[in-house]
C-alpha atoms as a PDB file:
ATOM      1  CA  MET A   1     -15.977   6.310 -13.980  1.00  0.00           C
ATOM      2  CA  LYS A   2     -15.914   5.873 -17.756  1.00  0.00           C
ATOM      3  CA  LYS A   3     -17.382   2.372 -17.410  1.00  0.00           C
ATOM      4  CA  LEU A   4     -20.362   3.720 -15.487  1.00  0.00           C
ATOM      5  CA  LYS A   5     -20.867   6.489 -18.054  1.00  0.00           C
ATOM      6  CA  ASN A   6     -20.929   3.962 -20.909  1.00  0.00           C
ATOM      7  CA  ILE A   7     -23.497   1.823 -19.096  1.00  0.00           C
ATOM      8  CA  ILE A   8     -25.738   4.790 -18.262  1.00  0.00           C
ATOM      9  CA  THR A   9     -25.615   6.270 -21.776  1.00  0.00           C
ATOM     10  CA  GLY A  10     -26.443   2.901 -23.332  1.00  0.00           C
ATOM     11  CA  LYS A  11     -23.189   2.361 -25.206  1.00  0.00           C
ATOM     12  CA  ASP A  12     -22.320  -0.730 -23.147  1.00  0.00           C
ATOM     13  CA  LEU A  13     -25.183  -3.063 -24.022  1.00  0.00           C
ATOM     14  CA  ASN A  14     -23.970  -6.150 -22.158  1.00  0.00           C
ATOM     15  CA  PHE A  15     -22.958  -4.217 -19.000  1.00  0.00           C
ATOM     16  CA  ASP A  16     -19.417  -5.611 -18.839  1.00  0.00           C
ATOM     17  CA  GLY A  17     -17.815  -2.180 -18.519  1.00  0.00           C
ATOM     18  CA  LYS A  18     -16.294  -2.154 -22.003  1.00  0.00           C
ATOM     19  CA  VAL A  19     -17.703  -0.929 -25.308  1.00  0.00           C
ATOM     20  CA  ASP A  20     -16.533  -3.596 -27.723  1.00  0.00           C
ATOM     21  CA  ILE A  21     -17.548  -5.816 -30.639  1.00  0.00           C
ATOM     22  CA  LYS A  22     -19.945  -7.748 -28.396  1.00  0.00           C
ATOM     23  CA  ASP A  23     -21.974  -4.576 -27.916  1.00  0.00           C
ATOM     24  CA  LYS A  24     -22.117  -4.047 -31.686  1.00  0.00           C
ATOM     25  CA  PHE A  25     -23.298  -7.651 -32.110  1.00  0.00           C
ATOM     26  CA  ILE A  26     -26.105  -7.124 -29.593  1.00  0.00           C
ATOM     27  CA  GLU A  27     -27.109  -3.913 -31.392  1.00  0.00           C
ATOM     28  CA  ALA A  28     -27.206  -5.732 -34.747  1.00  0.00           C
ATOM     29  CA  GLU A  29     -29.331  -8.550 -33.296  1.00  0.00           C
ATOM     30  CA  ARG A  30     -31.841  -6.059 -31.908  1.00  0.00           C
ATOM     31  CA  LYS A  31     -31.992  -4.192 -35.222  1.00  0.00           C
ATOM     32  CA  ALA A  32     -32.567  -7.423 -37.165  1.00  0.00           C
ATOM     33  CA  GLU A  33     -35.282  -8.463 -34.734  1.00  0.00           C
ATOM     34  CA  ASP A  34     -37.058  -5.113 -35.174  1.00  0.00           C
ATOM     35  CA  GLN A  35     -36.923  -5.468 -38.955  1.00  0.00           C
ATOM     36  CA  LEU A  36     -38.433  -8.954 -38.763  1.00  0.00           C
ATOM     37  CA  GLN A  37     -41.292  -7.640 -36.643  1.00  0.00           C
ATOM     38  CA  GLU A  38     -41.963  -4.911 -39.218  1.00  0.00           C
ATOM     39  CA  ILE A  39     -42.138  -7.513 -41.987  1.00  0.00           C
ATOM     40  CA  ASP A  40     -44.614  -9.590 -39.959  1.00  0.00           C
ATOM     41  CA  LEU A  41     -46.908  -6.570 -39.649  1.00  0.00           C
ATOM     42  CA  PHE A  42     -47.326  -6.391 -43.430  1.00  0.00           C
ATOM     43  CA  LYS A  43     -48.541  -9.996 -43.764  1.00  0.00           C
END
């Protein structure tokens, strides 16, 4: 039940049923990608 809750609430980003370092890595990649897009807008 907890696995499903984590997936639904968005804490489990790779949908493996566990909130772990891999999810933090995915979050960091998405954040870095968003920052790069913001920089491109100013060019």
